[in-house]
Amino acid sequence: MSGDQIGNLIYLSVLGAALLTWLLVRGRLNLNKMAQHMAAWVLIFFGTIAAIGLWEDVRSTVLPRQSVFGEEGRIELPRAEDGHYYITLEVNGTPTRFVVDTGASAVVLTARDAQRAGLATGDLVFLSSAMTANGSVRTAPVTLDSLALGPIVDRRMPAYVNGGEMETSLLGMTYLDRFARVEIANDRMILQR
């Protein structure tokens, strides 16, 4: 259990004890009514705990997801809560999450994602560098066998592996330039071939 979870448990326990004390003091003359109120508060308490525990599952089914319209060559991405657009593509057949970055000139993989995609990260030669918000980082050029989302497949895709720490792989302009239209409207990014 993490420190935040312990703190939340203590807070909820103190709140529950305060409510129970209030019910006992207020309803000491009418035990039947007090039992009804206590049952209602117990249900509210456990309902709240269940809602908190299931929030991630509920959120993942309620929030919009990326949509692929293969026949039309169109991809639609919803804006995430942090304001960015994310897409999951298959890199050499391995699902990989990217943040769409129009400020990045190329596709840049984290070392972890490159390894998962079957690239020999131990053999990479970091010949180039890139300027990021955190300063200069070393990069190694690679060629991806495939970068796919459903029926939309790009083969022999040039990319880089980042030699520094990076949380999420970047989908930059070398990929976005393959689309005839890139549009942002109504909290959705639309990529059209």
N, C-alpha and C. Protein backbone atom coordinates (compact mmCIF):
# COMPACT_ATOMS: atom_id res chain seq x y z
N MET A 1 0.85 -1.16 0.00
CA MET A 1 0.00 0.00 0.00
C MET A 1 0.90 1.24 0.00
N SER A 2 0.61 2.19 -0.88
CA SER A 2 1.43 3.39 -0.96
C SER A 2 1.06 4.38 0.15
N GLY A 3 1.89 5.39 0.30
CA GLY A 3 1.65 6.42 1.31
C GLY A 3 0.33 7.15 1.08
N ASP A 4 0.01 7.41 -0.20
CA ASP A 4 -1.26 8.09 -0.52
C ASP A 4 -2.45 7.22 -0.14
N GLN A 5 -2.35 5.92 -0.41
CA GLN A 5 -3.45 5.02 -0.08
C GLN A 5 -3.64 4.91 1.43
N ILE A 6 -2.54 4.87 2.18
CA ILE A 6 -2.63 4.82 3.64
C ILE A 6 -3.27 6.10 4.16
N GLY A 7 -2.85 7.24 3.61
CA GLY A 7 -3.44 8.52 4.02
C GLY A 7 -4.92 8.56 3.73
N ASN A 8 -5.33 8.07 2.55
CA ASN A 8 -6.76 8.04 2.21
C ASN A 8 -7.53 7.13 3.14
N LEU A 9 -6.94 5.98 3.50
CA LEU A 9 -7.60 5.05 4.41
C LEU A 9 -7.78 5.67 5.79
N ILE A 10 -6.76 6.35 6.29
CA ILE A 10 -6.86 7.02 7.59
C ILE A 10 -7.94 8.10 7.54
N TYR A 11 -7.94 8.90 6.47
CA TYR A 11 -8.94 9.96 6.32
C TYR A 11 -10.35 9.37 6.32
N LEU A 12 -10.57 8.32 5.53
CA LEU A 12 -11.90 7.72 5.46
C LEU A 12 -12.29 7.08 6.79
N SER A 13 -11.33 6.50 7.50
CA SER A 13 -11.63 5.91 8.82
C SER A 13 -12.05 6.97 9.82
N VAL A 14 -11.34 8.10 9.85
CA VAL A 14 -11.69 9.20 10.76
C VAL A 14 -13.06 9.76 10.40
N LEU A 15 -13.31 9.92 9.10
CA LEU A 15 -14.62 10.41 8.66
C LEU A 15 -15.72 9.45 9.06
N GLY A 16 -15.49 8.14 8.87
CA GLY A 16 -16.49 7.15 9.25
C GLY A 16 -16.73 7.14 10.76
N ALA A 17 -15.66 7.27 11.55
CA ALA A 17 -15.81 7.31 13.01
C ALA A 17 -16.58 8.55 13.45
N ALA A 18 -16.31 9.69 12.81
CA ALA A 18 -17.05 10.92 13.16
C ALA A 18 -18.53 10.77 12.83
N LEU A 19 -18.84 10.20 11.68
CA LEU A 19 -20.25 10.00 11.31
C LEU A 19 -20.93 9.03 12.26
N LEU A 20 -20.23 7.95 12.62
CA LEU A 20 -20.80 6.97 13.54
C LEU A 20 -21.06 7.60 14.91
N THR A 21 -20.11 8.39 15.41
CA THR A 21 -20.29 9.08 16.69
C THR A 21 -21.47 10.03 16.63
N TRP A 22 -21.57 10.78 15.54
CA TRP A 22 -22.70 11.72 15.38
C TRP A 22 -24.02 10.97 15.39
N LEU A 23 -24.07 9.83 14.68
CA LEU A 23 -25.31 9.06 14.65
C LEU A 23 -25.66 8.51 16.03
N LEU A 24 -24.66 8.03 16.76
CA LEU A 24 -24.93 7.49 18.09
C LEU A 24 -25.43 8.56 19.05
N VAL A 25 -24.81 9.73 19.02
CA VAL A 25 -25.22 10.81 19.92
C VAL A 25 -26.60 11.33 19.54
N ARG A 26 -26.82 11.54 18.27
CA ARG A 26 -28.07 12.13 17.80
C ARG A 26 -29.25 11.17 17.94
N GLY A 27 -29.01 9.88 17.69
CA GLY A 27 -30.12 8.95 17.65
C GLY A 27 -30.21 8.02 18.84
N ARG A 28 -29.69 8.41 19.98
CA ARG A 28 -29.65 7.51 21.13
C ARG A 28 -31.04 7.14 21.64
N LEU A 29 -32.04 7.95 21.37
CA LEU A 29 -33.38 7.64 21.85
C LEU A 29 -34.14 6.73 20.88
N ASN A 30 -33.81 6.80 19.60
CA ASN A 30 -34.53 6.04 18.60
C ASN A 30 -33.56 5.10 17.89
N LEU A 31 -33.34 3.91 18.45
CA LEU A 31 -32.36 2.97 17.91
C LEU A 31 -32.74 2.44 16.55
N ASN A 32 -34.02 2.25 16.27
CA ASN A 32 -34.46 1.74 14.98
C ASN A 32 -34.11 2.72 13.86
N LYS A 33 -34.41 3.98 14.10
CA LYS A 33 -34.10 5.01 13.10
C LYS A 33 -32.58 5.17 12.95
N MET A 34 -31.87 5.06 14.07
CA MET A 34 -30.42 5.16 14.01
C MET A 34 -29.84 4.01 13.18
N ALA A 35 -30.36 2.81 13.31
CA ALA A 35 -29.89 1.67 12.53
C ALA A 35 -30.14 1.90 11.04
N GLN A 36 -31.27 2.50 10.70
CA GLN A 36 -31.56 2.80 9.30
C GLN A 36 -30.56 3.82 8.74
N HIS A 37 -30.29 4.87 9.51
CA HIS A 37 -29.33 5.87 9.06
C HIS A 37 -27.93 5.27 8.93
N MET A 38 -27.57 4.43 9.90
CA MET A 38 -26.25 3.83 9.85
C MET A 38 -26.12 2.92 8.63
N ALA A 39 -27.16 2.16 8.32
CA ALA A 39 -27.13 1.30 7.14
C ALA A 39 -26.98 2.14 5.87
N ALA A 40 -27.67 3.27 5.82
CA ALA A 40 -27.57 4.15 4.65
C ALA A 40 -26.14 4.68 4.50
N TRP A 41 -25.53 5.10 5.61
CA TRP A 41 -24.16 5.63 5.55
C TRP A 41 -23.16 4.53 5.20
N VAL A 42 -23.38 3.32 5.69
CA VAL A 42 -22.48 2.21 5.33
C VAL A 42 -22.57 1.94 3.84
N LEU A 43 -23.79 1.96 3.29
CA LEU A 43 -23.95 1.76 1.85
C LEU A 43 -23.27 2.89 1.05
N ILE A 44 -23.43 4.12 1.51
CA ILE A 44 -22.77 5.25 0.84
C ILE A 44 -21.26 5.08 0.90
N PHE A 45 -20.75 4.70 2.07
CA PHE A 45 -19.31 4.52 2.24
C PHE A 45 -18.78 3.44 1.30
N PHE A 46 -19.40 2.26 1.30
CA PHE A 46 -18.92 1.18 0.45
C PHE A 46 -19.14 1.48 -1.03
N GLY A 47 -20.20 2.20 -1.35
CA GLY A 47 -20.42 2.63 -2.74
C GLY A 47 -19.32 3.56 -3.21
N THR A 48 -18.92 4.48 -2.33
CA THR A 48 -17.84 5.41 -2.68
C THR A 48 -16.53 4.65 -2.87
N ILE A 49 -16.23 3.72 -1.97
CA ILE A 49 -15.01 2.92 -2.08
C ILE A 49 -15.03 2.12 -3.39
N ALA A 50 -16.17 1.53 -3.73
CA ALA A 50 -16.27 0.76 -4.97
C ALA A 50 -16.07 1.66 -6.19
N ALA A 51 -16.66 2.85 -6.16
CA ALA A 51 -16.51 3.78 -7.29
C ALA A 51 -15.06 4.20 -7.48
N ILE A 52 -14.37 4.48 -6.36
CA ILE A 52 -12.96 4.86 -6.45
C ILE A 52 -12.14 3.69 -7.00
N GLY A 53 -12.41 2.48 -6.53
CA GLY A 53 -11.66 1.31 -6.99
C GLY A 53 -11.90 0.97 -8.45
N LEU A 54 -13.09 1.25 -8.93
CA LEU A 54 -13.43 0.91 -10.32
C LEU A 54 -13.24 2.08 -11.28
N TRP A 55 -12.80 3.24 -10.78
CA TRP A 55 -12.72 4.44 -11.61
C TRP A 55 -11.89 4.23 -12.87
N GLU A 56 -10.72 3.59 -12.76
CA GLU A 56 -9.86 3.39 -13.94
C GLU A 56 -10.57 2.54 -14.98
N ASP A 57 -11.28 1.49 -14.54
CA ASP A 57 -12.01 0.65 -15.48
C ASP A 57 -13.14 1.42 -16.14
N VAL A 58 -13.88 2.19 -15.34
CA VAL A 58 -14.98 2.98 -15.89
C VAL A 58 -14.45 4.03 -16.85
N ARG A 59 -13.39 4.73 -16.46
CA ARG A 59 -12.82 5.79 -17.28
C ARG A 59 -12.34 5.25 -18.63
N SER A 60 -11.73 4.07 -18.62
CA SER A 60 -11.21 3.53 -19.88
C SER A 60 -12.32 3.12 -20.82
N THR A 61 -13.52 2.80 -20.30
CA THR A 61 -14.62 2.44 -21.19
C THR A 61 -15.45 3.64 -21.60
N VAL A 62 -15.43 4.71 -20.82
CA VAL A 62 -16.25 5.89 -21.12
C VAL A 62 -15.52 6.88 -22.02
N LEU A 63 -14.22 7.07 -21.79
CA LEU A 63 -13.47 8.05 -22.57
C LEU A 63 -13.31 7.58 -24.00
N PRO A 64 -13.33 8.51 -24.96
CA PRO A 64 -13.17 8.12 -26.36
C PRO A 64 -11.76 7.58 -26.62
N ARG A 65 -11.65 6.73 -27.60
CA ARG A 65 -10.38 6.12 -27.97
C ARG A 65 -10.06 6.46 -29.41
N GLN A 66 -8.86 6.08 -29.81
CA GLN A 66 -8.48 6.33 -31.19
C GLN A 66 -9.36 5.49 -32.10
N SER A 67 -9.69 6.05 -33.26
CA SER A 67 -10.54 5.37 -34.22
C SER A 67 -9.81 5.31 -35.55
N VAL A 68 -9.93 4.17 -36.23
CA VAL A 68 -9.30 3.98 -37.52
C VAL A 68 -10.39 3.70 -38.55
N PHE A 69 -10.38 4.48 -39.60
CA PHE A 69 -11.30 4.29 -40.71
C PHE A 69 -10.43 3.91 -41.91
N GLY A 70 -10.12 2.60 -42.00
CA GLY A 70 -9.15 2.09 -42.95
C GLY A 70 -9.50 2.37 -44.40
N GLU A 71 -10.76 2.19 -44.76
CA GLU A 71 -11.16 2.40 -46.15
C GLU A 71 -10.96 3.86 -46.57
N GLU A 72 -11.13 4.75 -45.61
CA GLU A 72 -10.97 6.18 -45.90
C GLU A 72 -9.54 6.65 -45.64
N GLY A 73 -8.72 5.80 -45.03
CA GLY A 73 -7.36 6.19 -44.70
C GLY A 73 -7.31 7.29 -43.65
N ARG A 74 -8.25 7.21 -42.69
CA ARG A 74 -8.37 8.27 -41.68
C ARG A 74 -8.21 7.69 -40.28
N ILE A 75 -7.50 8.45 -39.45
CA ILE A 75 -7.32 8.13 -38.03
C ILE A 75 -7.83 9.32 -37.24
N GLU A 76 -8.61 9.06 -36.19
CA GLU A 76 -9.08 10.12 -35.29
C GLU A 76 -8.59 9.82 -33.88
N LEU A 77 -7.96 10.81 -33.28
CA LEU A 77 -7.40 10.67 -31.93
C LEU A 77 -8.08 11.66 -30.99
N PRO A 78 -8.57 11.21 -29.84
CA PRO A 78 -9.15 12.15 -28.87
C PRO A 78 -8.04 12.85 -28.09
N ARG A 79 -8.32 14.07 -27.64
CA ARG A 79 -7.37 14.78 -26.79
C ARG A 79 -7.41 14.13 -25.41
N ALA A 80 -6.23 13.83 -24.87
CA ALA A 80 -6.14 13.22 -23.54
C ALA A 80 -6.34 14.29 -22.47
N GLU A 81 -6.49 13.85 -21.23
CA GLU A 81 -6.71 14.78 -20.13
C GLU A 81 -5.55 15.75 -19.96
N ASP A 82 -4.33 15.34 -20.35
CA ASP A 82 -3.17 16.22 -20.20
C ASP A 82 -3.01 17.18 -21.38
N GLY A 83 -3.96 17.15 -22.34
CA GLY A 83 -3.93 18.07 -23.47
C GLY A 83 -3.19 17.54 -24.69
N HIS A 84 -2.54 16.38 -24.58
CA HIS A 84 -1.79 15.81 -25.69
C HIS A 84 -2.66 14.81 -26.46
N TYR A 85 -2.17 14.43 -27.62
CA TYR A 85 -2.82 13.40 -28.42
C TYR A 85 -1.90 12.17 -28.42
N TYR A 86 -2.47 11.02 -28.10
CA TYR A 86 -1.71 9.77 -28.03
C TYR A 86 -2.26 8.80 -29.07
N ILE A 87 -1.37 7.96 -29.57
CA ILE A 87 -1.76 6.95 -30.55
C ILE A 87 -0.97 5.69 -30.26
N THR A 88 -1.61 4.56 -30.42
CA THR A 88 -0.93 3.28 -30.28
C THR A 88 -0.77 2.68 -31.66
N LEU A 89 0.47 2.52 -32.09
CA LEU A 89 0.81 1.93 -33.38
C LEU A 89 1.57 0.63 -33.14
N GLU A 90 1.56 -0.24 -34.11
CA GLU A 90 2.36 -1.46 -34.02
C GLU A 90 3.70 -1.19 -34.68
N VAL A 91 4.76 -1.24 -33.89
CA VAL A 91 6.12 -1.08 -34.38
C VAL A 91 6.69 -2.48 -34.55
N ASN A 92 6.92 -2.87 -35.80
CA ASN A 92 7.39 -4.23 -36.10
C ASN A 92 6.48 -5.27 -35.44
N GLY A 93 5.18 -4.99 -35.41
CA GLY A 93 4.19 -5.92 -34.86
C GLY A 93 3.96 -5.80 -33.37
N THR A 94 4.67 -4.88 -32.69
CA THR A 94 4.52 -4.72 -31.24
C THR A 94 3.76 -3.44 -30.93
N PRO A 95 2.62 -3.51 -30.22
CA PRO A 95 1.88 -2.30 -29.87
C PRO A 95 2.74 -1.34 -29.05
N THR A 96 2.81 -0.09 -29.51
CA THR A 96 3.65 0.92 -28.88
C THR A 96 2.87 2.22 -28.79
N ARG A 97 2.88 2.82 -27.61
CA ARG A 97 2.16 4.08 -27.40
C ARG A 97 3.08 5.26 -27.71
N PHE A 98 2.56 6.19 -28.51
CA PHE A 98 3.28 7.39 -28.90
C PHE A 98 2.50 8.62 -28.47
N VAL A 99 3.21 9.70 -28.20
CA VAL A 99 2.58 11.01 -28.10
C VAL A 99 2.83 11.68 -29.45
N VAL A 100 1.76 12.23 -30.05
CA VAL A 100 1.90 12.92 -31.32
C VAL A 100 2.57 14.26 -31.04
N ASP A 101 3.71 14.49 -31.68
CA ASP A 101 4.51 15.68 -31.40
C ASP A 101 4.86 16.38 -32.71
N THR A 102 4.11 17.42 -33.04
CA THR A 102 4.38 18.17 -34.27
C THR A 102 5.66 18.97 -34.17
N GLY A 103 6.21 19.09 -32.98
CA GLY A 103 7.49 19.78 -32.79
C GLY A 103 8.69 18.88 -32.98
N ALA A 104 8.44 17.57 -33.08
CA ALA A 104 9.53 16.63 -33.32
C ALA A 104 9.65 16.39 -34.82
N SER A 105 10.86 16.41 -35.32
CA SER A 105 11.03 16.23 -36.76
C SER A 105 10.94 14.77 -37.19
N ALA A 106 11.12 13.84 -36.28
CA ALA A 106 11.16 12.42 -36.65
C ALA A 106 10.39 11.57 -35.64
N VAL A 107 10.30 10.29 -35.96
CA VAL A 107 9.77 9.30 -35.03
C VAL A 107 10.93 8.94 -34.09
N VAL A 108 10.68 9.04 -32.79
CA VAL A 108 11.72 8.77 -31.80
C VAL A 108 11.18 7.76 -30.80
N LEU A 109 11.88 6.64 -30.70
CA LEU A 109 11.49 5.59 -29.77
C LEU A 109 12.29 5.68 -28.48
N THR A 110 11.65 5.33 -27.38
CA THR A 110 12.40 5.15 -26.13
C THR A 110 13.23 3.88 -26.29
N ALA A 111 14.27 3.74 -25.52
CA ALA A 111 15.10 2.53 -25.58
C ALA A 111 14.26 1.29 -25.25
N ARG A 112 13.35 1.43 -24.29
CA ARG A 112 12.48 0.31 -23.89
C ARG A 112 11.57 -0.12 -25.05
N ASP A 113 10.95 0.87 -25.73
CA ASP A 113 10.07 0.54 -26.85
C ASP A 113 10.85 -0.05 -28.02
N ALA A 114 12.06 0.45 -28.25
CA ALA A 114 12.90 -0.09 -29.33
C ALA A 114 13.23 -1.56 -29.05
N GLN A 115 13.55 -1.86 -27.81
CA GLN A 115 13.88 -3.24 -27.45
C GLN A 115 12.65 -4.13 -27.59
N ARG A 116 11.49 -3.65 -27.17
CA ARG A 116 10.25 -4.42 -27.30
C ARG A 116 9.92 -4.69 -28.76
N ALA A 117 10.29 -3.76 -29.65
CA ALA A 117 10.01 -3.90 -31.09
C ALA A 117 11.03 -4.78 -31.80
N GLY A 118 11.98 -5.34 -31.05
CA GLY A 118 12.93 -6.27 -31.63
C GLY A 118 14.20 -5.64 -32.16
N LEU A 119 14.44 -4.37 -31.87
CA LEU A 119 15.68 -3.73 -32.30
C LEU A 119 16.80 -4.09 -31.32
N ALA A 120 17.95 -4.38 -31.85
CA ALA A 120 19.10 -4.75 -31.01
C ALA A 120 19.67 -3.47 -30.40
N THR A 121 19.16 -3.08 -29.24
CA THR A 121 19.56 -1.80 -28.64
C THR A 121 21.02 -1.80 -28.21
N GLY A 122 21.61 -2.96 -27.97
CA GLY A 122 23.01 -3.02 -27.59
C GLY A 122 23.94 -2.70 -28.75
N ASP A 123 23.45 -2.86 -29.98
CA ASP A 123 24.27 -2.61 -31.17
C ASP A 123 24.07 -1.21 -31.75
N LEU A 124 23.24 -0.39 -31.12
CA LEU A 124 22.95 0.94 -31.68
C LEU A 124 24.17 1.84 -31.58
N VAL A 125 24.34 2.66 -32.60
CA VAL A 125 25.42 3.64 -32.64
C VAL A 125 24.78 5.02 -32.56
N PHE A 126 25.05 5.73 -31.48
CA PHE A 126 24.45 7.04 -31.25
C PHE A 126 25.31 8.11 -31.95
N LEU A 127 25.02 8.31 -33.24
CA LEU A 127 25.80 9.22 -34.08
C LEU A 127 25.26 10.65 -34.07
N SER A 128 23.99 10.80 -33.80
CA SER A 128 23.38 12.12 -33.92
C SER A 128 22.85 12.58 -32.57
N SER A 129 22.40 13.82 -32.57
CA SER A 129 21.80 14.35 -31.34
C SER A 129 20.56 15.15 -31.71
N ALA A 130 19.72 15.35 -30.74
CA ALA A 130 18.48 16.11 -30.94
C ALA A 130 18.32 17.08 -29.79
N MET A 131 17.76 18.23 -30.10
CA MET A 131 17.47 19.22 -29.06
C MET A 131 16.06 18.98 -28.53
N THR A 132 15.95 18.84 -27.24
CA THR A 132 14.65 18.64 -26.60
C THR A 132 14.43 19.76 -25.58
N ALA A 133 13.28 19.73 -24.97
CA ALA A 133 12.98 20.72 -23.92
C ALA A 133 13.95 20.55 -22.75
N ASN A 134 14.51 19.35 -22.59
CA ASN A 134 15.44 19.07 -21.50
C ASN A 134 16.90 19.20 -21.93
N GLY A 135 17.12 19.72 -23.14
CA GLY A 135 18.49 19.87 -23.63
C GLY A 135 18.81 18.87 -24.71
N SER A 136 20.07 18.73 -25.02
CA SER A 136 20.52 17.86 -26.10
C SER A 136 20.58 16.40 -25.63
N VAL A 137 20.10 15.49 -26.50
CA VAL A 137 20.18 14.06 -26.22
C VAL A 137 20.79 13.35 -27.43
N ARG A 138 21.46 12.26 -27.17
CA ARG A 138 22.04 11.48 -28.25
C ARG A 138 20.97 10.57 -28.84
N THR A 139 21.03 10.38 -30.16
CA THR A 139 20.07 9.52 -30.84
C THR A 139 20.80 8.58 -31.79
N ALA A 140 20.18 7.43 -32.01
CA ALA A 140 20.72 6.43 -32.93
C ALA A 140 19.71 6.21 -34.06
N PRO A 141 20.13 6.37 -35.31
CA PRO A 141 19.20 6.15 -36.42
C PRO A 141 18.90 4.66 -36.59
N VAL A 142 17.64 4.35 -36.88
CA VAL A 142 17.20 2.98 -37.13
C VAL A 142 16.18 3.02 -38.26
N THR A 143 15.88 1.87 -38.81
CA THR A 143 14.81 1.74 -39.79
C THR A 143 13.84 0.70 -39.26
N LEU A 144 12.58 1.10 -39.14
CA LEU A 144 11.55 0.20 -38.64
C LEU A 144 11.00 -0.60 -39.81
N ASP A 145 10.87 -1.90 -39.65
CA ASP A 145 10.32 -2.73 -40.72
C ASP A 145 8.90 -2.29 -41.05
N SER A 146 8.12 -2.03 -40.00
CA SER A 146 6.74 -1.59 -40.24
C SER A 146 6.25 -0.73 -39.08
N LEU A 147 5.38 0.19 -39.44
CA LEU A 147 4.68 1.05 -38.47
C LEU A 147 3.23 1.00 -38.92
N ALA A 148 2.37 0.36 -38.12
CA ALA A 148 1.02 0.05 -38.60
C ALA A 148 -0.05 0.40 -37.59
N LEU A 149 -1.19 0.77 -38.13
CA LEU A 149 -2.41 0.94 -37.34
C LEU A 149 -3.53 0.37 -38.19
N GLY A 150 -3.92 -0.87 -37.87
CA GLY A 150 -4.93 -1.55 -38.67
C GLY A 150 -4.44 -1.69 -40.10
N PRO A 151 -5.28 -1.28 -41.06
CA PRO A 151 -4.89 -1.43 -42.47
C PRO A 151 -3.91 -0.35 -42.96
N ILE A 152 -3.62 0.65 -42.14
CA ILE A 152 -2.70 1.70 -42.54
C ILE A 152 -1.30 1.28 -42.12
N VAL A 153 -0.48 0.91 -43.09
CA VAL A 153 0.85 0.35 -42.82
C VAL A 153 1.90 1.14 -43.58
N ASP A 154 2.97 1.53 -42.90
CA ASP A 154 4.12 2.16 -43.51
C ASP A 154 5.31 1.24 -43.29
N ARG A 155 6.02 0.95 -44.38
CA ARG A 155 7.17 0.04 -44.30
C ARG A 155 8.47 0.82 -44.45
N ARG A 156 9.53 0.23 -43.87
CA ARG A 156 10.88 0.83 -43.95
C ARG A 156 10.85 2.28 -43.47
N MET A 157 10.31 2.48 -42.30
CA MET A 157 10.13 3.81 -41.72
C MET A 157 11.41 4.24 -41.00
N PRO A 158 12.01 5.37 -41.40
CA PRO A 158 13.18 5.87 -40.66
C PRO A 158 12.76 6.39 -39.29
N ALA A 159 13.58 6.14 -38.29
CA ALA A 159 13.28 6.59 -36.93
C ALA A 159 14.59 6.73 -36.17
N TYR A 160 14.47 7.12 -34.92
CA TYR A 160 15.62 7.25 -34.03
C TYR A 160 15.28 6.60 -32.70
N VAL A 161 16.32 6.15 -32.02
CA VAL A 161 16.18 5.67 -30.65
C VAL A 161 16.85 6.70 -29.76
N ASN A 162 16.15 7.15 -28.76
CA ASN A 162 16.65 8.17 -27.85
C ASN A 162 17.62 7.54 -26.85
N GLY A 163 18.79 8.16 -26.72
CA GLY A 163 19.78 7.66 -25.77
C GLY A 163 19.55 8.15 -24.36
N GLY A 164 18.65 9.11 -24.18
CA GLY A 164 18.36 9.66 -22.85
C GLY A 164 17.07 9.08 -22.29
N GLU A 165 16.68 9.62 -21.17
CA GLU A 165 15.45 9.19 -20.52
C GLU A 165 14.26 9.87 -21.21
N MET A 166 13.29 9.07 -21.57
CA MET A 166 12.09 9.59 -22.21
C MET A 166 10.94 8.67 -21.80
N GLU A 167 9.84 9.25 -21.38
CA GLU A 167 8.73 8.46 -20.87
C GLU A 167 7.94 7.77 -21.97
N THR A 168 7.66 8.48 -23.06
CA THR A 168 6.83 7.97 -24.14
C THR A 168 7.51 8.24 -25.47
N SER A 169 7.40 7.31 -26.39
CA SER A 169 7.95 7.51 -27.72
C SER A 169 7.21 8.65 -28.41
N LEU A 170 7.91 9.32 -29.33
CA LEU A 170 7.35 10.48 -30.02
C LEU A 170 7.02 10.14 -31.47
N LEU A 171 5.88 10.59 -31.92
CA LEU A 171 5.49 10.43 -33.31
C LEU A 171 5.61 11.79 -33.97
N GLY A 172 6.70 11.99 -34.68
CA GLY A 172 7.01 13.30 -35.25
C GLY A 172 6.61 13.46 -36.70
N MET A 173 7.17 14.49 -37.31
CA MET A 173 6.75 14.93 -38.63
C MET A 173 7.07 13.95 -39.76
N THR A 174 8.10 13.12 -39.64
CA THR A 174 8.37 12.17 -40.73
C THR A 174 7.20 11.20 -40.91
N TYR A 175 6.45 10.94 -39.84
CA TYR A 175 5.25 10.12 -39.97
C TYR A 175 4.06 10.98 -40.36
N LEU A 176 3.88 12.12 -39.72
CA LEU A 176 2.73 12.97 -40.00
C LEU A 176 2.73 13.49 -41.43
N ASP A 177 3.91 13.68 -42.03
CA ASP A 177 4.00 14.15 -43.41
C ASP A 177 3.45 13.14 -44.41
N ARG A 178 3.23 11.93 -43.99
CA ARG A 178 2.68 10.91 -44.88
C ARG A 178 1.16 11.06 -45.04
N PHE A 179 0.59 11.98 -44.30
CA PHE A 179 -0.85 12.23 -44.38
C PHE A 179 -1.09 13.50 -45.19
N ALA A 180 -2.16 13.49 -45.98
CA ALA A 180 -2.50 14.65 -46.79
C ALA A 180 -3.08 15.76 -45.92
N ARG A 181 -3.68 15.37 -44.80
CA ARG A 181 -4.33 16.37 -43.94
C ARG A 181 -4.12 15.99 -42.48
N VAL A 182 -3.71 16.97 -41.70
CA VAL A 182 -3.62 16.83 -40.25
C VAL A 182 -4.43 17.99 -39.68
N GLU A 183 -5.50 17.66 -38.97
CA GLU A 183 -6.42 18.70 -38.49
C GLU A 183 -6.77 18.46 -37.03
N ILE A 184 -6.95 19.56 -36.30
CA ILE A 184 -7.42 19.48 -34.92
C ILE A 184 -8.73 20.22 -34.85
N ALA A 185 -9.79 19.52 -34.45
CA ALA A 185 -11.11 20.11 -34.35
C ALA A 185 -11.91 19.39 -33.28
N ASN A 186 -12.58 20.16 -32.44
CA ASN A 186 -13.45 19.59 -31.40
C ASN A 186 -12.74 18.55 -30.54
N ASP A 187 -11.54 18.90 -30.06
CA ASP A 187 -10.75 18.03 -29.19
C ASP A 187 -10.39 16.70 -29.84
N ARG A 188 -10.29 16.68 -31.15
CA ARG A 188 -9.87 15.48 -31.87
C ARG A 188 -8.82 15.87 -32.90
N MET A 189 -7.81 15.00 -33.05
CA MET A 189 -6.83 15.17 -34.12
C MET A 189 -7.22 14.19 -35.22
N ILE A 190 -7.33 14.70 -36.44
CA ILE A 190 -7.73 13.89 -37.57
C ILE A 190 -6.55 13.79 -38.54
N LEU A 191 -6.14 12.58 -38.84
CA LEU A 191 -5.07 12.31 -39.79
C LEU A 191 -5.71 11.64 -40.99
N GLN A 192 -5.60 12.24 -42.16
CA GLN A 192 -6.25 11.73 -43.37
C GLN A 192 -5.22 11.49 -44.46
N ARG A 193 -5.17 10.28 -45.02
CA ARG A 193 -4.26 9.94 -46.12
C ARG A 193 -4.81 10.46 -47.42
